[in-house]
């Protein structure tokens, strides 16, 4: 996949859910947000 940054951004729609997980912490943390960056609930510890 050889996408440019703008092409990646244009792939985000109102149906996109972004999941992030940080496994480098003592307790891994996960969170979910929509394409606008609005967080759903609290981060899971």
PDB file of N, CA and C in Angstrom:
ATOM      1  N   UNK A   1       0.848  -1.183   0.000  1.00  0.00           N
ATOM      2  CA  UNK A   1       0.000   0.000   0.000  1.00  0.00           C
ATOM      3  C   UNK A   1       0.889   1.239   0.000  1.00  0.00           C
ATOM      4  N   UNK A   2       0.829   1.967  -1.058  1.00  0.00           N
ATOM      5  CA  UNK A   2       1.656   3.162  -1.193  1.00  0.00           C
ATOM      6  C   UNK A   2       0.754   4.385  -1.259  1.00  0.00           C
ATOM      7  N   UNK A   3       0.132   4.714  -0.123  1.00  0.00           N
ATOM      8  CA  UNK A   3      -0.778   5.846  -0.061  1.00  0.00           C
ATOM      9  C   UNK A   3      -0.049   7.107   0.384  1.00  0.00           C
ATOM     10  N   UNK A   4      -0.485   8.206  -0.145  1.00  0.00           N
ATOM     11  CA  UNK A   4      -0.010   9.496   0.358  1.00  0.00           C
ATOM     12  C   UNK A   4      -0.882   9.878   1.553  1.00  0.00           C
ATOM     13  N   UNK A   5      -0.408  10.809   2.370  1.00  0.00           N
ATOM     14  CA  UNK A   5      -1.111  11.165   3.604  1.00  0.00           C
ATOM     15  C   UNK A   5      -2.541  11.632   3.331  1.00  0.00           C
ATOM     16  N   UNK A   6      -2.763  12.461   2.325  1.00  0.00           N
ATOM     17  CA  UNK A   6      -4.116  12.951   2.032  1.00  0.00           C
ATOM     18  C   UNK A   6      -5.042  11.813   1.625  1.00  0.00           C
ATOM     19  N   UNK A   7      -4.518  10.835   0.891  1.00  0.00           N
ATOM     20  CA  UNK A   7      -5.344   9.690   0.505  1.00  0.00           C
ATOM     21  C   UNK A   7      -5.757   8.872   1.727  1.00  0.00           C
ATOM     22  N   UNK A   8      -4.854   8.746   2.688  1.00  0.00           N
ATOM     23  CA  UNK A   8      -5.190   8.033   3.922  1.00  0.00           C
ATOM     24  C   UNK A   8      -6.282   8.765   4.685  1.00  0.00           C
ATOM     25  N   UNK A   9      -6.161  10.082   4.785  1.00  0.00           N
ATOM     26  CA  UNK A   9      -7.152  10.878   5.512  1.00  0.00           C
ATOM     27  C   UNK A   9      -8.515  10.783   4.837  1.00  0.00           C
ATOM     28  N   UNK A  10      -8.551  10.782   3.516  1.00  0.00           N
ATOM     29  CA  UNK A  10      -9.817  10.711   2.791  1.00  0.00           C
ATOM     30  C   UNK A  10     -10.515   9.364   2.947  1.00  0.00           C
ATOM     31  N   UNK A  11      -9.794   8.339   3.398  1.00  0.00           N
ATOM     32  CA  UNK A  11     -10.409   7.032   3.623  1.00  0.00           C
ATOM     33  C   UNK A  11     -11.286   7.027   4.869  1.00  0.00           C
ATOM     34  N   UNK A  12     -11.094   7.983   5.776  1.00  0.00           N
ATOM     35  CA  UNK A  12     -11.894   8.045   6.997  1.00  0.00           C
ATOM     36  C   UNK A  12     -13.287   8.565   6.676  1.00  0.00           C
ATOM     37  N   UNK A  13     -14.298   7.848   7.130  1.00  0.00           N
ATOM     38  CA  UNK A  13     -15.685   8.252   6.907  1.00  0.00           C
ATOM     39  C   UNK A  13     -16.401   8.314   8.246  1.00  0.00           C
ATOM     40  N   UNK A  14     -17.681   8.643   8.210  1.00  0.00           N
ATOM     41  CA  UNK A  14     -18.456   8.697   9.443  1.00  0.00           C
ATOM     42  C   UNK A  14     -18.704   7.300  10.018  1.00  0.00           C
ATOM     43  N   UNK A  15     -18.348   6.253   9.285  1.00  0.00           N
ATOM     44  CA  UNK A  15     -18.501   4.883   9.769  1.00  0.00           C
ATOM     45  C   UNK A  15     -17.181   4.301  10.256  1.00  0.00           C
ATOM     46  N   UNK A  16     -16.120   5.106  10.284  1.00  0.00           N
ATOM     47  CA  UNK A  16     -14.799   4.640  10.696  1.00  0.00           C
ATOM     48  C   UNK A  16     -14.669   4.653  12.212  1.00  0.00           C
ATOM     49  N   UNK A  17     -14.158   3.560  12.763  1.00  0.00           N
ATOM     50  CA  UNK A  17     -13.861   3.463  14.186  1.00  0.00           C
ATOM     51  C   UNK A  17     -12.371   3.209  14.326  1.00  0.00           C
ATOM     52  N   UNK A  18     -11.695   4.049  15.095  1.00  0.00           N
ATOM     53  CA  UNK A  18     -10.255   3.941  15.280  1.00  0.00           C
ATOM     54  C   UNK A  18      -9.996   3.353  16.663  1.00  0.00           C
ATOM     55  N   UNK A  19      -9.224   2.276  16.705  1.00  0.00           N
ATOM     56  CA  UNK A  19      -8.870   1.605  17.948  1.00  0.00           C
ATOM     57  C   UNK A  19      -7.379   1.790  18.165  1.00  0.00           C
ATOM     58  N   UNK A  20      -7.003   2.230  19.365  1.00  0.00           N
ATOM     59  CA  UNK A  20      -5.594   2.387  19.699  1.00  0.00           C
ATOM     60  C   UNK A  20      -5.252   1.587  20.939  1.00  0.00           C
ATOM     61  N   UNK A  21      -4.105   0.912  20.904  1.00  0.00           N
ATOM     62  CA  UNK A  21      -3.653   0.116  22.038  1.00  0.00           C
ATOM     63  C   UNK A  21      -2.196   0.468  22.316  1.00  0.00           C
ATOM     64  N   UNK A  22      -1.887   0.787  23.571  1.00  0.00           N
ATOM     65  CA  UNK A  22      -0.519   1.064  23.997  1.00  0.00           C
ATOM     66  C   UNK A  22      -0.065  -0.088  24.872  1.00  0.00           C
ATOM     67  N   UNK A  23       0.779  -0.961  24.316  1.00  0.00           N
ATOM     68  CA  UNK A  23       1.224  -2.138  25.054  1.00  0.00           C
ATOM     69  C   UNK A  23       2.548  -1.892  25.776  1.00  0.00           C
ATOM     70  N   UNK A  24       3.125  -0.702  25.615  1.00  0.00           N
ATOM     71  CA  UNK A  24       4.424  -0.408  26.213  1.00  0.00           C
ATOM     72  C   UNK A  24       4.319   0.020  27.682  1.00  0.00           C
ATOM     73  N   UNK A  25       3.133   0.278  28.166  1.00  0.00           N
ATOM     74  CA  UNK A  25       2.951   0.687  29.557  1.00  0.00           C
ATOM     75  C   UNK A  25       2.941  -0.534  30.466  1.00  0.00           C
ATOM     76  N   UNK A  26       3.072  -0.297  31.778  1.00  0.00           N
ATOM     77  CA  UNK A  26       2.993  -1.402  32.735  1.00  0.00           C
ATOM     78  C   UNK A  26       1.651  -2.101  32.625  1.00  0.00           C
ATOM     79  N   UNK A  27       0.586  -1.320  32.495  1.00  0.00           N
ATOM     80  CA  UNK A  27      -0.747  -1.860  32.242  1.00  0.00           C
ATOM     81  C   UNK A  27      -1.148  -1.392  30.845  1.00  0.00           C
ATOM     82  N   UNK A  28      -1.336  -2.308  29.891  1.00  0.00           N
ATOM     83  CA  UNK A  28      -1.736  -1.892  28.539  1.00  0.00           C
ATOM     84  C   UNK A  28      -3.035  -1.087  28.568  1.00  0.00           C
ATOM     85  N   UNK A  29      -3.137  -0.105  27.699  1.00  0.00           N
ATOM     86  CA  UNK A  29      -4.294   0.782  27.631  1.00  0.00           C
ATOM     87  C   UNK A  29      -4.860   0.730  26.211  1.00  0.00           C
ATOM     88  N   UNK A  30      -6.183   0.646  26.096  1.00  0.00           N
ATOM     89  CA  UNK A  30      -6.852   0.663  24.794  1.00  0.00           C
ATOM     90  C   UNK A  30      -7.938   1.729  24.823  1.00  0.00           C
ATOM     91  N   UNK A  31      -8.184   2.354  23.659  1.00  0.00           N
ATOM     92  CA  UNK A  31      -9.272   3.321  23.556  1.00  0.00           C
ATOM     93  C   UNK A  31      -9.820   3.310  22.144  1.00  0.00           C
ATOM     94  N   UNK A  32     -11.046   3.797  22.010  1.00  0.00           N
ATOM     95  CA  UNK A  32     -11.705   3.861  20.711  1.00  0.00           C
ATOM     96  C   UNK A  32     -12.178   5.294  20.481  1.00  0.00           C
ATOM     97  N   UNK A  33     -12.086   5.733  19.222  1.00  0.00           N
ATOM     98  CA  UNK A  33     -12.565   7.069  18.863  1.00  0.00           C
ATOM     99  C   UNK A  33     -13.111   7.027  17.447  1.00  0.00           C
ATOM    100  N   UNK A  34     -13.959   8.015  17.134  1.00  0.00           N
ATOM    101  CA  UNK A  34     -14.503   8.077  15.782  1.00  0.00           C
ATOM    102  C   UNK A  34     -13.553   8.870  14.888  1.00  0.00           C
ATOM    103  N   UNK A  35     -13.950   9.088  13.655  1.00  0.00           N
ATOM    104  CA  UNK A  35     -13.084   9.733  12.674  1.00  0.00           C
ATOM    105  C   UNK A  35     -12.782  11.190  13.006  1.00  0.00           C
ATOM    106  N   UNK A  36     -13.579  11.803  13.885  1.00  0.00           N
ATOM    107  CA  UNK A  36     -13.339  13.194  14.288  1.00  0.00           C
ATOM    108  C   UNK A  36     -12.464  13.292  15.518  1.00  0.00           C
ATOM    109  N   UNK A  37     -12.148  12.165  16.143  1.00  0.00           N
ATOM    110  CA  UNK A  37     -11.312  12.159  17.339  1.00  0.00           C
ATOM    111  C   UNK A  37     -12.114  12.163  18.625  1.00  0.00           C
ATOM    112  N   UNK A  38     -13.447  11.999  18.533  1.00  0.00           N
ATOM    113  CA  UNK A  38     -14.289  11.959  19.727  1.00  0.00           C
ATOM    114  C   UNK A  38     -14.136  10.579  20.372  1.00  0.00           C
ATOM    115  N   UNK A  39     -13.726  10.563  21.629  1.00  0.00           N
ATOM    116  CA  UNK A  39     -13.455   9.324  22.342  1.00  0.00           C
ATOM    117  C   UNK A  39     -14.751   8.680  22.814  1.00  0.00           C
ATOM    118  N   UNK A  40     -14.833   7.348  22.683  1.00  0.00           N
ATOM    119  CA  UNK A  40     -15.969   6.584  23.172  1.00  0.00           C
ATOM    120  C   UNK A  40     -15.630   5.988  24.524  1.00  0.00           C
ATOM    121  N   UNK A  41     -16.334   6.401  25.554  1.00  0.00           N
ATOM    122  CA  UNK A  41     -16.096   5.871  26.890  1.00  0.00           C
ATOM    123  C   UNK A  41     -14.735   6.261  27.419  1.00  0.00           C
ATOM    124  N   UNK A  42     -14.283   5.532  28.430  1.00  0.00           N
ATOM    125  CA  UNK A  42     -12.996   5.780  29.055  1.00  0.00           C
ATOM    126  C   UNK A  42     -11.979   4.779  28.507  1.00  0.00           C
ATOM    127  N   UNK A  43     -10.693   5.120  28.547  1.00  0.00           N
ATOM    128  CA  UNK A  43      -9.680   4.140  28.127  1.00  0.00           C
ATOM    129  C   UNK A  43      -9.768   2.880  28.980  1.00  0.00           C
ATOM    130  N   UNK A  44      -9.586   1.732  28.362  1.00  0.00           N
ATOM    131  CA  UNK A  44      -9.612   0.468  29.076  1.00  0.00           C
ATOM    132  C   UNK A  44      -8.231   0.163  29.618  1.00  0.00           C
ATOM    133  N   UNK A  45      -8.155  -0.069  30.914  1.00  0.00           N
ATOM    134  CA  UNK A  45      -6.861  -0.369  31.549  1.00  0.00           C
ATOM    135  C   UNK A  45      -6.696  -1.846  31.734  1.00  0.00           C
TER     136      UNK A  45
END
